[in-house]
Amino acid sequence: MFILGLNCPRDAIDTYLQPLIEELKELWEVDIETYDASTKQNFKLHASFLWTINDFPAYGNLSGWSTKGKLACPCCNKDTASIRLANDKEQCFMGH
């Protein structure tokens, strides 16, 4: 699902994900009888959500991690090596 531009949910992405999460919880906890056409047999289906593919700002929205400022790297955390550039006042992350 792509929601681009001015209509993107920004920090309210959880309102879009909540119905998906509820349905996936149900599919994980309560198996669903499903038909497999290749084997012509029914089986019990469980489902899970493994990962997302997104850019860095979307990662911040989904995870709740602040992706702005000098501690923006979620892997490095307090050991993030960053400097503030003098001319454009942007953070520059070193060693990545």
PDB file of N, CA and C in Angstrom:
ATOM      1  N   MET A   1       0.846  -1.167   0.000  1.00  0.00           N
ATOM      2  CA  MET A   1       0.000   0.000   0.000  1.00  0.00           C
ATOM      3  C   MET A   1       0.893   1.232   0.000  1.00  0.00           C
ATOM      4  N   PHE A   2       0.698   2.100  -0.952  1.00  0.00           N
ATOM      5  CA  PHE A   2       1.431   3.353  -1.015  1.00  0.00           C
ATOM      6  C   PHE A   2       0.467   4.502  -0.783  1.00  0.00           C
ATOM      7  N   ILE A   3       0.796   5.373   0.144  1.00  0.00           N
ATOM      8  CA  ILE A   3       0.013   6.582   0.379  1.00  0.00           C
ATOM      9  C   ILE A   3       1.007   7.727   0.299  1.00  0.00           C
ATOM     10  N   LEU A   4       1.045   8.375  -0.844  1.00  0.00           N
ATOM     11  CA  LEU A   4       2.065   9.380  -1.096  1.00  0.00           C
ATOM     12  C   LEU A   4       1.515  10.794  -0.983  1.00  0.00           C
ATOM     13  N   GLY A   5       2.426  11.743  -0.878  1.00  0.00           N
ATOM     14  CA  GLY A   5       2.080  13.155  -0.970  1.00  0.00           C
ATOM     15  C   GLY A   5       1.397  13.708   0.259  1.00  0.00           C
ATOM     16  N   LEU A   6       0.568  14.713   0.028  1.00  0.00           N
ATOM     17  CA  LEU A   6      -0.078  15.418   1.127  1.00  0.00           C
ATOM     18  C   LEU A   6      -1.083  14.561   1.882  1.00  0.00           C
ATOM     19  N   ASN A   7      -1.569  13.489   1.260  1.00  0.00           N
ATOM     20  CA  ASN A   7      -2.570  12.643   1.904  1.00  0.00           C
ATOM     21  C   ASN A   7      -1.969  11.507   2.725  1.00  0.00           C
ATOM     22  N   CYS A   8      -0.641  11.443   2.821  1.00  0.00           N
ATOM     23  CA  CYS A   8      -0.033  10.351   3.580  1.00  0.00           C
ATOM     24  C   CYS A   8      -0.360  10.511   5.066  1.00  0.00           C
ATOM     25  N   PRO A   9      -0.480   9.409   5.794  1.00  0.00           N
ATOM     26  CA  PRO A   9      -0.921   9.472   7.188  1.00  0.00           C
ATOM     27  C   PRO A   9       0.121   9.995   8.168  1.00  0.00           C
ATOM     28  N   ARG A  10       1.370  10.125   7.758  1.00  0.00           N
ATOM     29  CA  ARG A  10       2.463  10.581   8.622  1.00  0.00           C
ATOM     30  C   ARG A  10       2.514   9.745   9.903  1.00  0.00           C
ATOM     31  N   ASP A  11       2.384  10.368  11.047  1.00  0.00           N
ATOM     32  CA  ASP A  11       2.499   9.647  12.316  1.00  0.00           C
ATOM     33  C   ASP A  11       1.257   8.827  12.652  1.00  0.00           C
ATOM     34  N   ALA A  12       0.201   8.954  11.875  1.00  0.00           N
ATOM     35  CA  ALA A  12      -1.035   8.221  12.143  1.00  0.00           C
ATOM     36  C   ALA A  12      -1.113   6.932  11.323  1.00  0.00           C
ATOM     37  N   ILE A  13       0.032   6.384  10.939  1.00  0.00           N
ATOM     38  CA  ILE A  13       0.042   5.165  10.128  1.00  0.00           C
ATOM     39  C   ILE A  13      -0.618   4.010  10.871  1.00  0.00           C
ATOM     40  N   ASP A  14      -0.584   4.047  12.198  1.00  0.00           N
ATOM     41  CA  ASP A  14      -1.186   2.961  12.970  1.00  0.00           C
ATOM     42  C   ASP A  14      -2.686   2.838  12.736  1.00  0.00           C
ATOM     43  N   THR A  15      -3.351   3.926  12.355  1.00  0.00           N
ATOM     44  CA  THR A  15      -4.783   3.834  12.064  1.00  0.00           C
ATOM     45  C   THR A  15      -5.035   2.998  10.812  1.00  0.00           C
ATOM     46  N   TYR A  16      -4.077   2.985   9.900  1.00  0.00           N
ATOM     47  CA  TYR A  16      -4.194   2.163   8.700  1.00  0.00           C
ATOM     48  C   TYR A  16      -3.761   0.722   8.968  1.00  0.00           C
ATOM     49  N   LEU A  17      -2.805   0.550   9.861  1.00  0.00           N
ATOM     50  CA  LEU A  17      -2.275  -0.782  10.130  1.00  0.00           C
ATOM     51  C   LEU A  17      -3.093  -1.567  11.152  1.00  0.00           C
ATOM     52  N   GLN A  18      -3.854  -0.891  11.995  1.00  0.00           N
ATOM     53  CA  GLN A  18      -4.585  -1.569  13.065  1.00  0.00           C
ATOM     54  C   GLN A  18      -5.518  -2.669  12.559  1.00  0.00           C
ATOM     55  N   PRO A  19      -6.328  -2.438  11.515  1.00  0.00           N
ATOM     56  CA  PRO A  19      -7.169  -3.543  11.023  1.00  0.00           C
ATOM     57  C   PRO A  19      -6.352  -4.738  10.529  1.00  0.00           C
ATOM     58  N   LEU A  20      -5.223  -4.480   9.883  1.00  0.00           N
ATOM     59  CA  LEU A  20      -4.351  -5.561   9.431  1.00  0.00           C
ATOM     60  C   LEU A  20      -3.796  -6.336  10.620  1.00  0.00           C
ATOM     61  N   ILE A  21      -3.348  -5.633  11.634  1.00  0.00           N
ATOM     62  CA  ILE A  21      -2.786  -6.280  12.819  1.00  0.00           C
ATOM     63  C   ILE A  21      -3.827  -7.149  13.509  1.00  0.00           C
ATOM     64  N   GLU A  22      -5.040  -6.633  13.646  1.00  0.00           N
ATOM     65  CA  GLU A  22      -6.104  -7.410  14.288  1.00  0.00           C
ATOM     66  C   GLU A  22      -6.412  -8.683  13.505  1.00  0.00           C
ATOM     67  N   GLU A  23      -6.462  -8.567  12.189  1.00  0.00           N
ATOM     68  CA  GLU A  23      -6.751  -9.744  11.372  1.00  0.00           C
ATOM     69  C   GLU A  23      -5.608 -10.758  11.426  1.00  0.00           C
ATOM     70  N   LEU A  24      -4.374 -10.279  11.414  1.00  0.00           N
ATOM     71  CA  LEU A  24      -3.230 -11.191  11.500  1.00  0.00           C
ATOM     72  C   LEU A  24      -3.162 -11.885  12.856  1.00  0.00           C
ATOM     73  N   LYS A  25      -3.514 -11.177  13.920  1.00  0.00           N
ATOM     74  CA  LYS A  25      -3.562 -11.819  15.240  1.00  0.00           C
ATOM     75  C   LYS A  25      -4.569 -12.960  15.242  1.00  0.00           C
ATOM     76  N   GLU A  26      -5.718 -12.701  14.638  1.00  0.00           N
ATOM     77  CA  GLU A  26      -6.742 -13.742  14.563  1.00  0.00           C
ATOM     78  C   GLU A  26      -6.253 -14.930  13.737  1.00  0.00           C
ATOM     79  N   LEU A  27      -5.599 -14.651  12.616  1.00  0.00           N
ATOM     80  CA  LEU A  27      -5.103 -15.734  11.768  1.00  0.00           C
ATOM     81  C   LEU A  27      -3.967 -16.516  12.428  1.00  0.00           C
ATOM     82  N   TRP A  28      -3.266 -15.904  13.359  1.00  0.00           N
ATOM     83  CA  TRP A  28      -2.197 -16.609  14.054  1.00  0.00           C
ATOM     84  C   TRP A  28      -2.755 -17.458  15.198  1.00  0.00           C
ATOM     85  N   GLU A  29      -3.680 -16.878  15.952  1.00  0.00           N
ATOM     86  CA  GLU A  29      -4.201 -17.554  17.137  1.00  0.00           C
ATOM     87  C   GLU A  29      -5.269 -18.598  16.810  1.00  0.00           C
ATOM     88  N   VAL A  30      -6.090 -18.313  15.824  1.00  0.00           N
ATOM     89  CA  VAL A  30      -7.186 -19.211  15.455  1.00  0.00           C
ATOM     90  C   VAL A  30      -6.924 -19.688  14.030  1.00  0.00           C
ATOM     91  N   ASP A  31      -6.707 -20.975  13.876  1.00  0.00           N
ATOM     92  CA  ASP A  31      -6.428 -21.465  12.526  1.00  0.00           C
ATOM     93  C   ASP A  31      -7.681 -21.389  11.652  1.00  0.00           C
ATOM     94  N   ILE A  32      -7.453 -21.238  10.373  1.00  0.00           N
ATOM     95  CA  ILE A  32      -8.528 -21.130   9.390  1.00  0.00           C
ATOM     96  C   ILE A  32      -8.451 -22.343   8.468  1.00  0.00           C
ATOM     97  N   GLU A  33      -9.554 -23.031   8.338  1.00  0.00           N
ATOM     98  CA  GLU A  33      -9.615 -24.177   7.424  1.00  0.00           C
ATOM     99  C   GLU A  33      -9.523 -23.657   5.988  1.00  0.00           C
ATOM    100  N   THR A  34      -8.526 -24.134   5.252  1.00  0.00           N
ATOM    101  CA  THR A  34      -8.247 -23.643   3.902  1.00  0.00           C
ATOM    102  C   THR A  34      -8.067 -24.827   2.958  1.00  0.00           C
ATOM    103  N   TYR A  35      -8.437 -24.623   1.709  1.00  0.00           N
ATOM    104  CA  TYR A  35      -8.338 -25.692   0.710  1.00  0.00           C
ATOM    105  C   TYR A  35      -7.103 -25.487  -0.155  1.00  0.00           C
ATOM    106  N   ASP A  36      -6.305 -26.539  -0.310  1.00  0.00           N
ATOM    107  CA  ASP A  36      -5.129 -26.524  -1.173  1.00  0.00           C
ATOM    108  C   ASP A  36      -5.494 -27.221  -2.479  1.00  0.00           C
ATOM    109  N   ALA A  37      -5.583 -26.458  -3.550  1.00  0.00           N
ATOM    110  CA  ALA A  37      -6.011 -27.005  -4.839  1.00  0.00           C
ATOM    111  C   ALA A  37      -4.995 -27.991  -5.409  1.00  0.00           C
ATOM    112  N   SER A  38      -3.716 -27.823  -5.093  1.00  0.00           N
ATOM    113  CA  SER A  38      -2.707 -28.720  -5.663  1.00  0.00           C
ATOM    114  C   SER A  38      -2.769 -30.120  -5.050  1.00  0.00           C
ATOM    115  N   THR A  39      -3.062 -30.205  -3.752  1.00  0.00           N
ATOM    116  CA  THR A  39      -3.157 -31.519  -3.100  1.00  0.00           C
ATOM    117  C   THR A  39      -4.600 -31.984  -2.939  1.00  0.00           C
ATOM    118  N   LYS A  40      -5.529 -31.085  -3.238  1.00  0.00           N
ATOM    119  CA  LYS A  40      -6.962 -31.364  -3.094  1.00  0.00           C
ATOM    120  C   LYS A  40      -7.313 -31.778  -1.664  1.00  0.00           C
ATOM    121  N   GLN A  41      -6.680 -31.093  -0.710  1.00  0.00           N
ATOM    122  CA  GLN A  41      -6.937 -31.367   0.706  1.00  0.00           C
ATOM    123  C   GLN A  41      -7.091 -30.050   1.464  1.00  0.00           C
ATOM    124  N   ASN A  42      -7.796 -30.124   2.559  1.00  0.00           N
ATOM    125  CA  ASN A  42      -7.900 -28.975   3.453  1.00  0.00           C
ATOM    126  C   ASN A  42      -6.721 -28.978   4.423  1.00  0.00           C
ATOM    127  N   PHE A  43      -6.345 -27.799   4.867  1.00  0.00           N
ATOM    128  CA  PHE A  43      -5.310 -27.682   5.890  1.00  0.00           C
ATOM    129  C   PHE A  43      -5.625 -26.480   6.765  1.00  0.00           C
ATOM    130  N   LYS A  44      -4.974 -26.413   7.911  1.00  0.00           N
ATOM    131  CA  LYS A  44      -5.195 -25.313   8.843  1.00  0.00           C
ATOM    132  C   LYS A  44      -4.157 -24.222   8.588  1.00  0.00           C
ATOM    133  N   LEU A  45      -4.644 -23.040   8.267  1.00  0.00           N
ATOM    134  CA  LEU A  45      -3.782 -21.916   7.900  1.00  0.00           C
ATOM    135  C   LEU A  45      -3.541 -21.006   9.097  1.00  0.00           C
ATOM    136  N   HIS A  46      -2.290 -20.646   9.306  1.00  0.00           N
ATOM    137  CA  HIS A  46      -1.891 -19.599  10.249  1.00  0.00           C
ATOM    138  C   HIS A  46      -1.127 -18.563   9.427  1.00  0.00           C
ATOM    139  N   ALA A  47      -1.199 -17.306   9.813  1.00  0.00           N
ATOM    140  CA  ALA A  47      -0.518 -16.251   9.059  1.00  0.00           C
ATOM    141  C   ALA A  47       0.265 -15.352  10.008  1.00  0.00           C
ATOM    142  N   SER A  48       1.340 -14.780   9.496  1.00  0.00           N
ATOM    143  CA  SER A  48       2.125 -13.824  10.277  1.00  0.00           C
ATOM    144  C   SER A  48       2.668 -12.742   9.352  1.00  0.00           C
ATOM    145  N   PHE A  49       3.082 -11.653   9.954  1.00  0.00           N
ATOM    146  CA  PHE A  49       3.648 -10.511   9.246  1.00  0.00           C
ATOM    147  C   PHE A  49       5.134 -10.498   9.547  1.00  0.00           C
ATOM    148  N   LEU A  50       5.960 -10.702   8.529  1.00  0.00           N
ATOM    149  CA  LEU A  50       7.387 -10.882   8.776  1.00  0.00           C
ATOM    150  C   LEU A  50       8.198  -9.597   8.734  1.00  0.00           C
ATOM    151  N   TRP A  51       7.988  -8.765   7.723  1.00  0.00           N
ATOM    152  CA  TRP A  51       8.792  -7.549   7.614  1.00  0.00           C
ATOM    153  C   TRP A  51       8.126  -6.542   6.698  1.00  0.00           C
ATOM    154  N   THR A  52       8.685  -5.344   6.712  1.00  0.00           N
ATOM    155  CA  THR A  52       8.241  -4.290   5.797  1.00  0.00           C
ATOM    156  C   THR A  52       9.447  -3.797   5.015  1.00  0.00           C
ATOM    157  N   ILE A  53       9.186  -3.227   3.876  1.00  0.00           N
ATOM    158  CA  ILE A  53      10.227  -2.577   3.086  1.00  0.00           C
ATOM    159  C   ILE A  53       9.816  -1.119   2.972  1.00  0.00           C
ATOM    160  N   ASN A  54      10.635  -0.236   3.500  1.00  0.00           N
ATOM    161  CA  ASN A  54      10.278   1.172   3.519  1.00  0.00           C
ATOM    162  C   ASN A  54      11.535   2.036   3.569  1.00  0.00           C
ATOM    163  N   ASP A  55      11.346   3.318   3.351  1.00  0.00           N
ATOM    164  CA  ASP A  55      12.470   4.239   3.456  1.00  0.00           C
ATOM    165  C   ASP A  55      12.690   4.609   4.929  1.00  0.00           C
ATOM    166  N   PHE A  56      13.717   5.403   5.181  1.00  0.00           N
ATOM    167  CA  PHE A  56      14.106   5.710   6.555  1.00  0.00           C
ATOM    168  C   PHE A  56      13.038   6.499   7.323  1.00  0.00           C
ATOM    169  N   PRO A  57      12.416   7.535   6.727  1.00  0.00           N
ATOM    170  CA  PRO A  57      11.347   8.231   7.459  1.00  0.00           C
ATOM    171  C   PRO A  57      10.155   7.316   7.777  1.00  0.00           C
ATOM    172  N   ALA A  58       9.803   6.448   6.850  1.00  0.00           N
ATOM    173  CA  ALA A  58       8.702   5.511   7.111  1.00  0.00           C
ATOM    174  C   ALA A  58       9.093   4.526   8.206  1.00  0.00           C
ATOM    175  N   TYR A  59      10.355   4.138   8.242  1.00  0.00           N
ATOM    176  CA  TYR A  59      10.857   3.277   9.317  1.00  0.00           C
ATOM    177  C   TYR A  59      10.616   3.943  10.674  1.00  0.00           C
ATOM    178  N   GLY A  60      10.886   5.233  10.739  1.00  0.00           N
ATOM    179  CA  GLY A  60      10.646   5.966  11.977  1.00  0.00           C
ATOM    180  C   GLY A  60       9.183   5.967  12.367  1.00  0.00           C
ATOM    181  N   ASN A  61       8.303   6.160  11.392  1.00  0.00           N
ATOM    182  CA  ASN A  61       6.867   6.152  11.678  1.00  0.00           C
ATOM    183  C   ASN A  61       6.394   4.788  12.160  1.00  0.00           C
ATOM    184  N   LEU A  62       6.874   3.726  11.529  1.00  0.00           N
ATOM    185  CA  LEU A  62       6.420   2.385  11.889  1.00  0.00           C
ATOM    186  C   LEU A  62       6.989   1.905  13.218  1.00  0.00           C
ATOM    187  N   SER A  63       8.233   2.254  13.495  1.00  0.00           N
ATOM    188  CA  SER A  63       8.890   1.725  14.686  1.00  0.00           C
ATOM    189  C   SER A  63       8.742   2.619  15.908  1.00  0.00           C
ATOM    190  N   GLY A  64       8.451   3.889  15.675  1.00  0.00           N
ATOM    191  CA  GLY A  64       8.399   4.825  16.784  1.00  0.00           C
ATOM    192  C   GLY A  64       9.762   5.412  17.122  1.00  0.00           C
ATOM    193  N   TRP A  65      10.792   5.023  16.379  1.00  0.00           N
ATOM    194  CA  TRP A  65      12.139   5.542  16.600  1.00  0.00           C
ATOM    195  C   TRP A  65      12.262   6.909  15.939  1.00  0.00           C
ATOM    196  N   SER A  66      12.899   7.851  16.600  1.00  0.00           N
ATOM    197  CA  SER A  66      13.123   9.165  16.006  1.00  0.00           C
ATOM    198  C   SER A  66      14.241   9.056  14.979  1.00  0.00           C
ATOM    199  N   THR A  67      13.934   9.322  13.734  1.00  0.00           N
ATOM    200  CA  THR A  67      14.941   9.245  12.674  1.00  0.00           C
ATOM    201  C   THR A  67      15.473  10.631  12.326  1.00  0.00           C
ATOM    202  N   LYS A  68      15.387  11.535  13.274  1.00  0.00           N
ATOM    203  CA  LYS A  68      15.902  12.892  13.085  1.00  0.00           C
ATOM    204  C   LYS A  68      16.860  13.204  14.233  1.00  0.00           C
ATOM    205  N   GLY A  69      17.804  14.078  13.974  1.00  0.00           N
ATOM    206  CA  GLY A  69      18.728  14.487  15.025  1.00  0.00           C
ATOM    207  C   GLY A  69      19.983  13.643  15.068  1.00  0.00           C
ATOM    208  N   LYS A  70      20.784  13.874  16.095  1.00  0.00           N
ATOM    209  CA  LYS A  70      22.100  13.239  16.126  1.00  0.00           C
ATOM    210  C   LYS A  70      22.074  11.774  16.550  1.00  0.00           C
ATOM    211  N   LEU A  71      20.978  11.280  17.092  1.00  0.00           N
ATOM    212  CA  LEU A  71      20.875   9.865  17.467  1.00  0.00           C
ATOM    213  C   LEU A  71      19.887   9.127  16.565  1.00  0.00           C
ATOM    214  N   ALA A  72      19.886   9.458  15.289  1.00  0.00           N
ATOM    215  CA  ALA A  72      18.887   8.921  14.370  1.00  0.00           C
ATOM    216  C   ALA A  72      19.119   7.469  13.977  1.00  0.00           C
ATOM    217  N   CYS A  73      20.309   6.961  14.154  1.00  0.00           N
ATOM    218  CA  CYS A  73      20.585   5.586  13.734  1.00  0.00           C
ATOM    219  C   CYS A  73      20.069   4.601  14.783  1.00  0.00           C
ATOM    220  N   PRO A  74      19.080   3.771  14.435  1.00  0.00           N
ATOM    221  CA  PRO A  74      18.532   2.831  15.410  1.00  0.00           C
ATOM    222  C   PRO A  74      19.498   1.701  15.767  1.00  0.00           C
ATOM    223  N   CYS A  75      20.445   1.416  14.897  1.00  0.00           N
ATOM    224  CA  CYS A  75      21.419   0.353  15.189  1.00  0.00           C
ATOM    225  C   CYS A  75      22.511   0.846  16.137  1.00  0.00           C
ATOM    226  N   CYS A  76      22.989   2.061  15.896  1.00  0.00           N
ATOM    227  CA  CYS A  76      24.082   2.603  16.709  1.00  0.00           C
ATOM    228  C   CYS A  76      23.587   3.189  18.029  1.00  0.00           C
ATOM    229  N   ASN A  77      22.368   3.694  18.040  1.00  0.00           N
ATOM    230  CA  ASN A  77      21.749   4.285  19.221  1.00  0.00           C
ATOM    231  C   ASN A  77      22.648   5.369  19.811  1.00  0.00           C
ATOM    232  N   LYS A  78      23.044   5.248  21.064  1.00  0.00           N
ATOM    233  CA  LYS A  78      23.838   6.306  21.700  1.00  0.00           C
ATOM    234  C   LYS A  78      25.266   6.380  21.171  1.00  0.00           C
ATOM    235  N   ASP A  79      25.697   5.377  20.415  1.00  0.00           N
ATOM    236  CA  ASP A  79      27.041   5.381  19.844  1.00  0.00           C
ATOM    237  C   ASP A  79      27.064   5.913  18.411  1.00  0.00           C
ATOM    238  N   THR A  80      25.987   6.556  17.984  1.00  0.00           N
ATOM    239  CA  THR A  80      25.922   7.112  16.635  1.00  0.00           C
ATOM    240  C   THR A  80      27.015   8.157  16.446  1.00  0.00           C
ATOM    241  N   ALA A  81      27.781   8.010  15.368  1.00  0.00           N
ATOM    242  CA  ALA A  81      28.826   8.981  15.049  1.00  0.00           C
ATOM    243  C   ALA A  81      28.250   9.988  14.061  1.00  0.00           C
ATOM    244  N   SER A  82      27.921  11.172  14.545  1.00  0.00           N
ATOM    245  CA  SER A  82      27.351  12.186  13.670  1.00  0.00           C
ATOM    246  C   SER A  82      27.957  13.545  13.985  1.00  0.00           C
ATOM    247  N   ILE A  83      27.977  14.392  12.962  1.00  0.00           N
ATOM    248  CA  ILE A  83      28.412  15.777  13.146  1.00  0.00           C
ATOM    249  C   ILE A  83      27.400  16.682  12.459  1.00  0.00           C
ATOM    250  N   ARG A  84      27.317  17.902  12.919  1.00  0.00           N
ATOM    251  CA  ARG A  84      26.422  18.880  12.309  1.00  0.00           C
ATOM    252  C   ARG A  84      27.225  19.672  11.286  1.00  0.00           C
ATOM    253  N   LEU A  85      26.762  19.673  10.041  1.00  0.00           N
ATOM    254  CA  LEU A  85      27.449  20.409   8.988  1.00  0.00           C
ATOM    255  C   LEU A  85      27.264  21.909   9.202  1.00  0.00           C
ATOM    256  N   ALA A  86      28.329  22.658   9.030  1.00  0.00           N
ATOM    257  CA  ALA A  86      28.315  24.089   9.341  1.00  0.00           C
ATOM    258  C   ALA A  86      27.435  24.893   8.387  1.00  0.00           C
ATOM    259  N   ASN A  87      27.508  24.621   7.096  1.00  0.00           N
ATOM    260  CA  ASN A  87      26.825  25.474   6.125  1.00  0.00           C
ATOM    261  C   ASN A  87      25.324  25.232   6.023  1.00  0.00           C
ATOM    262  N   ASP A  88      24.897  23.980   6.011  1.00  0.00           N
ATOM    263  CA  ASP A  88      23.460  23.745   5.829  1.00  0.00           C
ATOM    264  C   ASP A  88      22.776  23.228   7.094  1.00  0.00           C
ATOM    265  N   LYS A  89      23.515  23.149   8.189  1.00  0.00           N
ATOM    266  CA  LYS A  89      22.973  22.771   9.494  1.00  0.00           C
ATOM    267  C   LYS A  89      22.261  21.418   9.486  1.00  0.00           C
ATOM    268  N   GLU A  90      22.726  20.503   8.659  1.00  0.00           N
ATOM    269  CA  GLU A  90      22.181  19.147   8.604  1.00  0.00           C
ATOM    270  C   GLU A  90      23.092  18.214   9.391  1.00  0.00           C
ATOM    271  N   GLN A  91      22.520  17.122   9.889  1.00  0.00           N
ATOM    272  CA  GLN A  91      23.315  16.093  10.542  1.00  0.00           C
ATOM    273  C   GLN A  91      23.978  15.227   9.475  1.00  0.00           C
ATOM    274  N   CYS A  92      25.215  14.888   9.683  1.00  0.00           N
ATOM    275  CA  CYS A  92      25.959  13.999   8.800  1.00  0.00           C
ATOM    276  C   CYS A  92      26.364  12.783   9.627  1.00  0.00           C
ATOM    277  N   PHE A  93      26.019  11.608   9.146  1.00  0.00           N
ATOM    278  CA  PHE A  93      26.298  10.380   9.884  1.00  0.00           C
ATOM    279  C   PHE A  93      27.542   9.718   9.320  1.00  0.00           C
ATOM    280  N   MET A  94      28.472   9.427  10.186  1.00  0.00           N
ATOM    281  CA  MET A  94      29.765   8.895   9.783  1.00  0.00           C
ATOM    282  C   MET A  94      29.811   7.391  10.034  1.00  0.00           C
ATOM    283  N   GLY A  95      30.583   6.686   9.229  1.00  0.00           N
ATOM    284  CA  GLY A  95      30.831   5.273   9.467  1.00  0.00           C
ATOM    285  C   GLY A  95      29.713   4.337   9.051  1.00  0.00           C
ATOM    286  N   HIS A  96      28.845   4.760   8.165  1.00  0.00           N
ATOM    287  CA  HIS A  96      27.769   3.876   7.698  1.00  0.00           C
ATOM    288  C   HIS A  96      27.999   3.495   6.259  1.00  0.00           C
TER     289      HIS A  96
END
